[in-house]
Amino acid sequence: MFEPASTPPSMETEGDLWFGFRGDELLVRFSGEDAEIPTAGILASRNIEPLHRQYLGSLNGKHCFAVGLEDTMLVPEGMVLKNLRRLYGALDDELFWIGGRGFQLINWDRTTQFCGRCGHRTENSKSERAKVCPACELRNYPRISPAVIVAVTRDDRILLARAFRFPVKLYSVIAGFVEPGETLEQCIRREIREEVNVEVRDIRYFGSQPWPFPHSLMIAFTAEYAGGKIRIDNREIMDAGWFGAQELPSIPDKVSIARRLIDWFVQKHT
């Protein structure tokens, strides 16, 4: 079981797990089709030194660190760099989500080396997960961007849309980032109205999921159609429609809460 923490252990060992990131790719080694996280000892033996380091917590007694790797680092023999999202299913689920935590924190570490107010080099806080400016005392915490994601249903159909940024033929439920001063419910109504010209009612909480691409918190809801004819915005959305449980287009894979929402709809109508 993973136990998150921000205060690193007093002693590090060669058996600690190092989630090493070069850009948005994670350094792993494969045993057959299964990906493994290398230990500190293995990476040290390959003369790999981290540029940045953030303690994540412990997994079954092993300490876990997110480490930033040099852009010029040569990939050691027997290891590969893979985009974290593409490792879903190859990595153990718990390791995948620890990696997601590490990806967010190492990106935050990289981008907060200097104070945004006075430009002084920052330091890690000794008491909490924060960067502190020793000159002006500004504190910087890891960034989390809340976003809503909504399964809108109309009788026995679900509203699915295809965004310009999606892979070819992929459709999903409507999602969008919360703006300053908005409630989650206001964001839901605004996003759906802006993107597909539909009104909704009976908004209900479904669940949430950290989404480390790069630092979102997805807050999922269900809602019922209340009016309007689909009219796409042609800026973010290129197509949208109502789909029955037996006629779904290509949909997101099981790593995402978007898929959980669609699966919920399918189970309800089959």
C-alpha atoms as a PDB file:
ATOM      1  CA  MET A   1       0.000   0.000   0.000  1.00  0.00           C
ATOM      2  CA  PHE A   2       1.255   3.468  -0.894  1.00  0.00           C
ATOM      3  CA  GLU A   3       1.550   6.000   1.926  1.00  0.00           C
ATOM      4  CA  PRO A   4       2.022   9.539   0.561  1.00  0.00           C
ATOM      5  CA  ALA A   5       4.350  11.914   2.392  1.00  0.00           C
ATOM      6  CA  SER A   6       6.325  15.095   1.710  1.00  0.00           C
ATOM      7  CA  THR A   7       9.121  14.804   4.298  1.00  0.00           C
ATOM      8  CA  PRO A   8      11.930  12.597   2.979  1.00  0.00           C
ATOM      9  CA  PRO A   9      13.469   9.860   5.146  1.00  0.00           C
ATOM     10  CA  SER A  10      16.586  10.611   7.160  1.00  0.00           C
ATOM     11  CA  MET A  11      18.439   7.919   5.223  1.00  0.00           C
ATOM     12  CA  GLU A  12      18.102   6.860   1.598  1.00  0.00           C
ATOM     13  CA  THR A  13      18.904   3.350   0.381  1.00  0.00           C
ATOM     14  CA  GLU A  14      19.795   1.645  -2.878  1.00  0.00           C
ATOM     15  CA  GLY A  15      16.394  -0.049  -2.825  1.00  0.00           C
ATOM     16  CA  ASP A  16      14.451   3.226  -3.042  1.00  0.00           C
ATOM     17  CA  LEU A  17      12.313   3.534  -6.170  1.00  0.00           C
ATOM     18  CA  TRP A  18      13.275   6.373  -8.478  1.00  0.00           C
ATOM     19  CA  PHE A  19      10.559   7.622 -10.826  1.00  0.00           C
ATOM     20  CA  GLY A  20      12.917   9.330 -13.249  1.00  0.00           C
ATOM     21  CA  PHE A  21      11.454  11.812 -15.735  1.00  0.00           C
ATOM     22  CA  ARG A  22      13.129  13.348 -18.764  1.00  0.00           C
ATOM     23  CA  GLY A  23      10.592  15.847 -19.989  1.00  0.00           C
ATOM     24  CA  ASP A  24       7.246  14.038 -19.986  1.00  0.00           C
ATOM     25  CA  GLU A  25       8.764  10.563 -20.303  1.00  0.00           C
ATOM     26  CA  LEU A  26       9.382   8.073 -17.492  1.00  0.00           C
ATOM     27  CA  LEU A  27      12.471   5.875 -17.354  1.00  0.00           C
ATOM     28  CA  VAL A  28      11.488   2.208 -16.975  1.00  0.00           C
ATOM     29  CA  ARG A  29      12.797  -1.235 -17.736  1.00  0.00           C
ATOM     30  CA  PHE A  30      10.690  -4.071 -19.111  1.00  0.00           C
ATOM     31  CA  SER A  31      10.379  -7.645 -17.964  1.00  0.00           C
ATOM     32  CA  GLY A  32       8.396  -9.208 -20.788  1.00  0.00           C
ATOM     33  CA  GLU A  33       5.362  -6.942 -21.216  1.00  0.00           C
ATOM     34  CA  ASP A  34       5.535  -5.553 -17.673  1.00  0.00           C
ATOM     35  CA  ALA A  35       7.278  -2.252 -16.935  1.00  0.00           C
ATOM     36  CA  GLU A  36       9.290  -1.813 -13.748  1.00  0.00           C
ATOM     37  CA  ILE A  37      10.546   1.253 -11.885  1.00  0.00           C
ATOM     38  CA  PRO A  38      14.339   1.138 -11.393  1.00  0.00           C
ATOM     39  CA  THR A  39      15.856   1.531  -7.955  1.00  0.00           C
ATOM     40  CA  ALA A  40      18.244   4.234  -6.803  1.00  0.00           C
ATOM     41  CA  GLY A  41      21.060   1.668  -6.723  1.00  0.00           C
ATOM     42  CA  ILE A  42      20.541   0.614 -10.321  1.00  0.00           C
ATOM     43  CA  LEU A  43      20.513   4.202 -11.592  1.00  0.00           C
ATOM     44  CA  ALA A  44      23.504   5.151  -9.448  1.00  0.00           C
ATOM     45  CA  SER A  45      25.426   2.229 -10.963  1.00  0.00           C
ATOM     46  CA  ARG A  46      24.734   3.777 -14.385  1.00  0.00           C
ATOM     47  CA  ASN A  47      26.087   7.153 -13.147  1.00  0.00           C
ATOM     48  CA  ILE A  48      22.686   8.832 -13.358  1.00  0.00           C
ATOM     49  CA  GLU A  49      22.408  11.870 -11.090  1.00  0.00           C
ATOM     50  CA  PRO A  50      19.062  13.680 -10.722  1.00  0.00           C
ATOM     51  CA  LEU A  51      18.725  17.408 -11.389  1.00  0.00           C
ATOM     52  CA  HIS A  52      15.631  17.680  -9.176  1.00  0.00           C
ATOM     53  CA  ARG A  53      14.155  15.431  -6.529  1.00  0.00           C
ATOM     54  CA  GLN A  54      10.837  15.261  -4.697  1.00  0.00           C
ATOM     55  CA  TYR A  55       9.908  12.681  -2.087  1.00  0.00           C
ATOM     56  CA  LEU A  56       6.570  10.973  -2.805  1.00  0.00           C
ATOM     57  CA  GLY A  57       6.061   8.554   0.101  1.00  0.00           C
ATOM     58  CA  SER A  58       6.552   4.844   0.647  1.00  0.00           C
ATOM     59  CA  LEU A  59       5.216   1.760  -1.125  1.00  0.00           C
ATOM     60  CA  ASN A  60       5.310  -1.446   0.896  1.00  0.00           C
ATOM     61  CA  GLY A  61       8.276  -0.141   2.873  1.00  0.00           C
ATOM     62  CA  LYS A  62      10.182   1.213  -0.150  1.00  0.00           C
ATOM     63  CA  HIS A  63      10.700   4.956  -0.350  1.00  0.00           C
ATOM     64  CA  CYS A  64       9.633   6.562  -3.629  1.00  0.00           C
ATOM     65  CA  PHE A  65      11.194   9.641  -5.209  1.00  0.00           C
ATOM     66  CA  ALA A  66      10.368  11.617  -8.335  1.00  0.00           C
ATOM     67  CA  VAL A  67      13.592  12.728  -9.977  1.00  0.00           C
ATOM     68  CA  GLY A  68      14.241  15.039 -12.899  1.00  0.00           C
ATOM     69  CA  LEU A  69      16.798  13.753 -15.411  1.00  0.00           C
ATOM     70  CA  GLU A  70      19.084  15.708 -17.717  1.00  0.00           C
ATOM     71  CA  ASP A  71      17.823  16.275 -21.252  1.00  0.00           C
ATOM     72  CA  THR A  72      21.163  14.977 -22.555  1.00  0.00           C
ATOM     73  CA  MET A  73      21.090  11.800 -20.465  1.00  0.00           C
ATOM     74  CA  LEU A  74      21.843   8.657 -22.439  1.00  0.00           C
ATOM     75  CA  VAL A  75      19.237   5.982 -21.834  1.00  0.00           C
ATOM     76  CA  PRO A  76      20.941   3.059 -20.070  1.00  0.00           C
ATOM     77  CA  GLU A  77      21.025  -0.297 -21.823  1.00  0.00           C
ATOM     78  CA  GLY A  78      17.956  -2.356 -20.963  1.00  0.00           C
ATOM     79  CA  MET A  79      15.838   0.704 -20.150  1.00  0.00           C
ATOM     80  CA  VAL A  80      13.498   2.922 -22.156  1.00  0.00           C
ATOM     81  CA  LEU A  81      11.830   6.302 -21.834  1.00  0.00           C
ATOM     82  CA  LYS A  82       8.071   6.176 -22.287  1.00  0.00           C
ATOM     83  CA  ASN A  83       5.297   8.736 -22.034  1.00  0.00           C
ATOM     84  CA  LEU A  84       3.571   7.962 -18.741  1.00  0.00           C
ATOM     85  CA  ARG A  85       0.131   7.708 -20.306  1.00  0.00           C
ATOM     86  CA  ARG A  86       1.362   5.027 -22.698  1.00  0.00           C
ATOM     87  CA  LEU A  87       2.555   2.947 -19.743  1.00  0.00           C
ATOM     88  CA  TYR A  88      -0.963   2.355 -18.469  1.00  0.00           C
ATOM     89  CA  GLY A  89      -1.477  -1.405 -18.394  1.00  0.00           C
ATOM     90  CA  ALA A  90       2.271  -2.097 -18.543  1.00  0.00           C
ATOM     91  CA  LEU A  91       2.940  -0.590 -15.116  1.00  0.00           C
ATOM     92  CA  ASP A  92       1.170  -1.911 -12.040  1.00  0.00           C
ATOM     93  CA  ASP A  93      -1.824   0.375 -11.388  1.00  0.00           C
ATOM     94  CA  GLU A  94      -0.439   1.647  -8.094  1.00  0.00           C
ATOM     95  CA  LEU A  95       2.943   2.408  -9.671  1.00  0.00           C
ATOM     96  CA  PHE A  96       1.174   4.191 -12.531  1.00  0.00           C
ATOM     97  CA  TRP A  97      -0.643   6.589 -10.190  1.00  0.00           C
ATOM     98  CA  ILE A  98       2.464   7.113  -8.030  1.00  0.00           C
ATOM     99  CA  GLY A  99       4.197   7.996 -11.291  1.00  0.00           C
ATOM    100  CA  GLY A 100       1.394  10.458 -12.015  1.00  0.00           C
ATOM    101  CA  ARG A 101       1.971  12.117  -8.662  1.00  0.00           C
ATOM    102  CA  GLY A 102       5.690  12.219  -9.365  1.00  0.00           C
ATOM    103  CA  PHE A 103       5.194  13.693 -12.839  1.00  0.00           C
ATOM    104  CA  GLN A 104       3.179  16.589 -11.436  1.00  0.00           C
ATOM    105  CA  LEU A 105       5.618  17.273  -8.618  1.00  0.00           C
ATOM    106  CA  ILE A 106       8.773  17.117 -10.714  1.00  0.00           C
ATOM    107  CA  ASN A 107       7.236  19.523 -13.257  1.00  0.00           C
ATOM    108  CA  TRP A 108       6.364  21.865 -10.397  1.00  0.00           C
ATOM    109  CA  ASP A 109       9.915  21.558  -9.053  1.00  0.00           C
ATOM    110  CA  ARG A 110      11.411  22.364 -12.464  1.00  0.00           C
ATOM    111  CA  THR A 111       9.266  25.449 -12.977  1.00  0.00           C
ATOM    112  CA  THR A 112       9.623  26.993  -9.513  1.00  0.00           C
ATOM    113  CA  GLN A 113      13.403  27.120  -9.166  1.00  0.00           C
ATOM    114  CA  PHE A 114      13.167  30.917  -8.990  1.00  0.00           C
ATOM    115  CA  CYS A 115      10.700  33.203  -7.246  1.00  0.00           C
ATOM    116  CA  GLY A 116       8.010  34.618  -9.525  1.00  0.00           C
ATOM    117  CA  ARG A 117       7.900  37.861  -7.527  1.00  0.00           C
ATOM    118  CA  CYS A 118      11.548  38.835  -6.991  1.00  0.00           C
ATOM    119  CA  GLY A 119      13.552  36.337  -9.056  1.00  0.00           C
ATOM    120  CA  HIS A 120      15.556  34.914  -6.140  1.00  0.00           C
ATOM    121  CA  ARG A 121      16.367  31.168  -6.139  1.00  0.00           C
ATOM    122  CA  THR A 122      13.811  29.248  -4.093  1.00  0.00           C
ATOM    123  CA  GLU A 123      14.304  26.571  -1.463  1.00  0.00           C
ATOM    124  CA  ASN A 124      12.265  23.525  -0.456  1.00  0.00           C
ATOM    125  CA  SER A 125      10.226  24.092   2.691  1.00  0.00           C
ATOM    126  CA  LYS A 126      11.245  21.874   5.605  1.00  0.00           C
ATOM    127  CA  SER A 127       7.702  21.671   6.997  1.00  0.00           C
ATOM    128  CA  GLU A 128       5.420  21.202   3.961  1.00  0.00           C
ATOM    129  CA  ARG A 129       5.311  20.630   0.215  1.00  0.00           C
ATOM    130  CA  ALA A 130       6.177  24.154  -0.866  1.00  0.00           C
ATOM    131  CA  LYS A 131       8.909  26.281  -2.426  1.00  0.00           C
ATOM    132  CA  VAL A 132       9.958  29.231  -0.300  1.00  0.00           C
ATOM    133  CA  CYS A 133      11.759  32.376  -1.417  1.00  0.00           C
ATOM    134  CA  PRO A 134      14.354  33.260   1.244  1.00  0.00           C
ATOM    135  CA  ALA A 135      14.415  36.867   0.022  1.00  0.00           C
ATOM    136  CA  CYS A 136      10.730  37.901  -0.050  1.00  0.00           C
ATOM    137  CA  GLU A 137       9.186  34.844   1.705  1.00  0.00           C
ATOM    138  CA  LEU A 138       6.742  34.084  -1.119  1.00  0.00           C
ATOM    139  CA  ARG A 139       5.511  30.486  -0.854  1.00  0.00           C
ATOM    140  CA  ASN A 140       4.690  28.457  -3.939  1.00  0.00           C
ATOM    141  CA  TYR A 141       2.613  25.278  -3.709  1.00  0.00           C
ATOM    142  CA  PRO A 142       2.154  22.562  -6.346  1.00  0.00           C
ATOM    143  CA  ARG A 143      -0.326  23.669  -8.972  1.00  0.00           C
ATOM    144  CA  ILE A 144      -3.614  21.802  -9.346  1.00  0.00           C
ATOM    145  CA  SER A 145      -6.068  22.827 -12.068  1.00  0.00           C
ATOM    146  CA  PRO A 146      -9.676  21.731 -11.375  1.00  0.00           C
ATOM    147  CA  ALA A 147     -11.693  20.623 -14.386  1.00  0.00           C
ATOM    148  CA  VAL A 148     -15.229  19.273 -14.694  1.00  0.00           C
ATOM    149  CA  ILE A 149     -16.158  16.333 -16.888  1.00  0.00           C
ATOM    150  CA  VAL A 150     -19.805  15.492 -17.508  1.00  0.00           C
ATOM    151  CA  ALA A 151     -21.876  12.628 -18.894  1.00  0.00           C
ATOM    152  CA  VAL A 152     -25.015  14.263 -20.303  1.00  0.00           C
ATOM    153  CA  THR A 153     -27.832  11.811 -20.988  1.00  0.00           C
ATOM    154  CA  ARG A 154     -31.074  12.168 -22.935  1.00  0.00           C
ATOM    155  CA  ASP A 155     -33.368   9.196 -22.374  1.00  0.00           C
ATOM    156  CA  ASP A 156     -31.261   6.216 -23.537  1.00  0.00           C
ATOM    157  CA  ARG A 157     -28.546   8.262 -25.261  1.00  0.00           C
ATOM    158  CA  ILE A 158     -25.352   9.969 -24.144  1.00  0.00           C
ATOM    159  CA  LEU A 159     -23.817  13.168 -25.504  1.00  0.00           C
ATOM    160  CA  LEU A 160     -20.339  12.558 -26.929  1.00  0.00           C
ATOM    161  CA  ALA A 161     -18.112  15.049 -28.710  1.00  0.00           C
ATOM    162  CA  ARG A 162     -14.949  14.967 -30.761  1.00  0.00           C
ATOM    163  CA  ALA A 163     -12.417  17.688 -30.003  1.00  0.00           C
ATOM    164  CA  PHE A 164      -9.885  18.923 -32.547  1.00  0.00           C
ATOM    165  CA  ARG A 165      -7.060  17.798 -30.231  1.00  0.00           C
ATOM    166  CA  PHE A 166      -8.316  14.186 -29.975  1.00  0.00           C
ATOM    167  CA  PRO A 167      -6.740  11.269 -31.831  1.00  0.00           C
ATOM    168  CA  VAL A 168      -8.511  10.307 -35.044  1.00  0.00           C
ATOM    169  CA  LYS A 169     -12.163   9.233 -34.550  1.00  0.00           C
ATOM    170  CA  LEU A 170     -12.077   9.444 -30.721  1.00  0.00           C
ATOM    171  CA  TYR A 171     -15.186  10.803 -28.966  1.00  0.00           C
ATOM    172  CA  SER A 172     -15.640  11.556 -25.275  1.00  0.00           C
ATOM    173  CA  VAL A 173     -17.858  13.355 -22.785  1.00  0.00           C
ATOM    174  CA  ILE A 174     -17.695  17.143 -22.371  1.00  0.00           C
ATOM    175  CA  ALA A 175     -14.963  18.542 -20.113  1.00  0.00           C
ATOM    176  CA  GLY A 176     -13.497  21.940 -19.288  1.00  0.00           C
ATOM    177  CA  PHE A 177     -11.444  23.898 -16.785  1.00  0.00           C
ATOM    178  CA  VAL A 178     -13.049  25.832 -13.955  1.00  0.00           C
ATOM    179  CA  GLU A 179     -12.606  29.586 -14.232  1.00  0.00           C
ATOM    180  CA  PRO A 180     -11.903  31.943 -11.288  1.00  0.00           C
ATOM    181  CA  GLY A 181     -15.078  32.759  -9.379  1.00  0.00           C
ATOM    182  CA  GLU A 182     -17.067  29.832 -10.798  1.00  0.00           C
ATOM    183  CA  THR A 183     -18.784  27.034  -8.946  1.00  0.00           C
ATOM    184  CA  LEU A 184     -18.426  23.562 -10.434  1.00  0.00           C
ATOM    185  CA  GLU A 185     -22.086  23.621 -11.458  1.00  0.00           C
ATOM    186  CA  GLN A 186     -21.699  26.974 -13.201  1.00  0.00           C
ATOM    187  CA  CYS A 187     -18.678  25.651 -15.059  1.00  0.00           C
ATOM    188  CA  ILE A 188     -20.633  22.593 -16.232  1.00  0.00           C
ATOM    189  CA  ARG A 189     -23.464  24.694 -17.632  1.00  0.00           C
ATOM    190  CA  ARG A 190     -21.095  27.182 -19.283  1.00  0.00           C
ATOM    191  CA  GLU A 191     -18.845  24.569 -20.907  1.00  0.00           C
ATOM    192  CA  ILE A 192     -21.726  22.536 -22.324  1.00  0.00           C
ATOM    193  CA  ARG A 193     -23.522  25.653 -23.560  1.00  0.00           C
ATOM    194  CA  GLU A 194     -20.359  27.075 -25.155  1.00  0.00           C
ATOM    195  CA  GLU A 195     -19.204  23.870 -26.815  1.00  0.00           C
ATOM    196  CA  VAL A 196     -22.446  22.237 -28.009  1.00  0.00           C
ATOM    197  CA  ASN A 197     -25.294  24.715 -27.271  1.00  0.00           C
ATOM    198  CA  VAL A 198     -27.131  22.360 -24.879  1.00  0.00           C
ATOM    199  CA  GLU A 199     -28.729  23.116 -21.497  1.00  0.00           C
ATOM    200  CA  VAL A 200     -28.632  20.595 -18.625  1.00  0.00           C
ATOM    201  CA  ARG A 201     -30.382  19.896 -15.326  1.00  0.00           C
ATOM    202  CA  ASP A 202     -30.142  17.485 -12.387  1.00  0.00           C
ATOM    203  CA  ILE A 203     -26.355  17.766 -12.061  1.00  0.00           C
ATOM    204  CA  ARG A 204     -25.009  15.048  -9.777  1.00  0.00           C
ATOM    205  CA  TYR A 205     -21.521  14.295  -8.479  1.00  0.00           C
ATOM    206  CA  PHE A 206     -20.008  11.066  -9.850  1.00  0.00           C
ATOM    207  CA  GLY A 207     -16.371  10.923  -8.711  1.00  0.00           C
ATOM    208  CA  SER A 208     -12.933  12.455  -9.168  1.00  0.00           C
ATOM    209  CA  GLN A 209      -9.525  11.539 -10.520  1.00  0.00           C
ATOM    210  CA  PRO A 210      -6.102  13.177 -10.446  1.00  0.00           C
ATOM    211  CA  TRP A 211      -5.032  13.637 -14.058  1.00  0.00           C
ATOM    212  CA  PRO A 212      -1.292  14.300 -14.318  1.00  0.00           C
ATOM    213  CA  PHE A 213      -1.270  15.571 -17.903  1.00  0.00           C
ATOM    214  CA  PRO A 214       0.070  17.829 -16.650  1.00  0.00           C
ATOM    215  CA  HIS A 215      -1.626  18.840 -13.361  1.00  0.00           C
ATOM    216  CA  SER A 216      -5.404  18.541 -13.457  1.00  0.00           C
ATOM    217  CA  LEU A 217      -7.991  17.272 -11.002  1.00  0.00           C
ATOM    218  CA  MET A 218     -10.931  15.870 -12.965  1.00  0.00           C
ATOM    219  CA  ILE A 219     -14.245  16.215 -11.101  1.00  0.00           C
ATOM    220  CA  ALA A 220     -16.896  14.067 -12.758  1.00  0.00           C
ATOM    221  CA  PHE A 221     -20.648  14.599 -12.859  1.00  0.00           C
ATOM    222  CA  THR A 222     -23.729  13.254 -14.572  1.00  0.00           C
ATOM    223  CA  ALA A 223     -26.484  15.532 -15.883  1.00  0.00           C
ATOM    224  CA  GLU A 224     -29.704  15.301 -17.838  1.00  0.00           C
ATOM    225  CA  TYR A 225     -30.562  17.088 -21.057  1.00  0.00           C
ATOM    226  CA  ALA A 226     -32.800  20.115 -20.465  1.00  0.00           C
ATOM    227  CA  GLY A 227     -33.041  21.696 -23.918  1.00  0.00           C
ATOM    228  CA  GLY A 228     -31.274  23.003 -26.983  1.00  0.00           C
ATOM    229  CA  LYS A 229     -30.195  21.637 -30.340  1.00  0.00           C
ATOM    230  CA  ILE A 230     -26.569  20.582 -30.769  1.00  0.00           C
ATOM    231  CA  ARG A 231     -24.518  23.309 -32.406  1.00  0.00           C
ATOM    232  CA  ILE A 232     -20.756  22.829 -32.127  1.00  0.00           C
ATOM    233  CA  ASP A 233     -18.471  25.776 -31.473  1.00  0.00           C
ATOM    234  CA  ASN A 234     -15.945  24.820 -34.226  1.00  0.00           C
ATOM    235  CA  ARG A 235     -13.127  26.062 -32.000  1.00  0.00           C
ATOM    236  CA  GLU A 236     -12.662  23.173 -29.580  1.00  0.00           C
ATOM    237  CA  ILE A 237     -15.313  20.772 -30.846  1.00  0.00           C
ATOM    238  CA  MET A 238     -15.437  19.458 -34.429  1.00  0.00           C
ATOM    239  CA  ASP A 239     -18.386  17.070 -34.039  1.00  0.00           C
ATOM    240  CA  ALA A 240     -20.937  15.959 -31.419  1.00  0.00           C
ATOM    241  CA  GLY A 241     -24.002  13.785 -31.212  1.00  0.00           C
ATOM    242  CA  TRP A 242     -26.284  11.558 -29.170  1.00  0.00           C
ATOM    243  CA  PHE A 243     -25.228   7.906 -29.045  1.00  0.00           C
ATOM    244  CA  GLY A 244     -26.956   4.769 -27.789  1.00  0.00           C
ATOM    245  CA  ALA A 245     -25.163   2.151 -25.683  1.00  0.00           C
ATOM    246  CA  GLN A 246     -24.935  -0.224 -28.658  1.00  0.00           C
ATOM    247  CA  GLU A 247     -23.659   2.351 -31.168  1.00  0.00           C
ATOM    248  CA  LEU A 248     -20.756   4.057 -29.464  1.00  0.00           C
ATOM    249  CA  PRO A 249     -17.881   5.462 -31.510  1.00  0.00           C
ATOM    250  CA  SER A 250     -14.246   5.070 -30.480  1.00  0.00           C
ATOM    251  CA  ILE A 251     -14.033   6.131 -26.802  1.00  0.00           C
ATOM    252  CA  PRO A 252     -11.225   6.808 -24.264  1.00  0.00           C
ATOM    253  CA  ASP A 253      -9.309   3.923 -22.709  1.00  0.00           C
ATOM    254  CA  LYS A 254      -9.935   2.679 -19.187  1.00  0.00           C
ATOM    255  CA  VAL A 255      -7.275   4.845 -17.536  1.00  0.00           C
ATOM    256  CA  SER A 256      -9.559   7.889 -17.599  1.00  0.00           C
ATOM    257  CA  ILE A 257     -12.624   8.860 -15.601  1.00  0.00           C
ATOM    258  CA  ALA A 258     -14.194   9.785 -18.948  1.00  0.00           C
ATOM    259  CA  ARG A 259     -14.320   6.060 -19.707  1.00  0.00           C
ATOM    260  CA  ARG A 260     -15.799   5.349 -16.267  1.00  0.00           C
ATOM    261  CA  LEU A 261     -18.627   7.777 -17.039  1.00  0.00           C
ATOM    262  CA  ILE A 262     -19.299   6.152 -20.410  1.00  0.00           C
ATOM    263  CA  ASP A 263     -19.147   2.661 -18.878  1.00  0.00           C
ATOM    264  CA  TRP A 264     -21.651   3.800 -16.245  1.00  0.00           C
ATOM    265  CA  PHE A 265     -24.027   4.861 -19.023  1.00  0.00           C
ATOM    266  CA  VAL A 266     -23.567   1.570 -20.906  1.00  0.00           C
ATOM    267  CA  GLN A 267     -24.227  -0.540 -17.811  1.00  0.00           C
ATOM    268  CA  LYS A 268     -27.369   1.491 -17.103  1.00  0.00           C
ATOM    269  CA  HIS A 269     -28.779   0.936 -20.610  1.00  0.00           C
ATOM    270  CA  THR A 270     -27.868  -2.671 -21.391  1.00  0.00           C
END
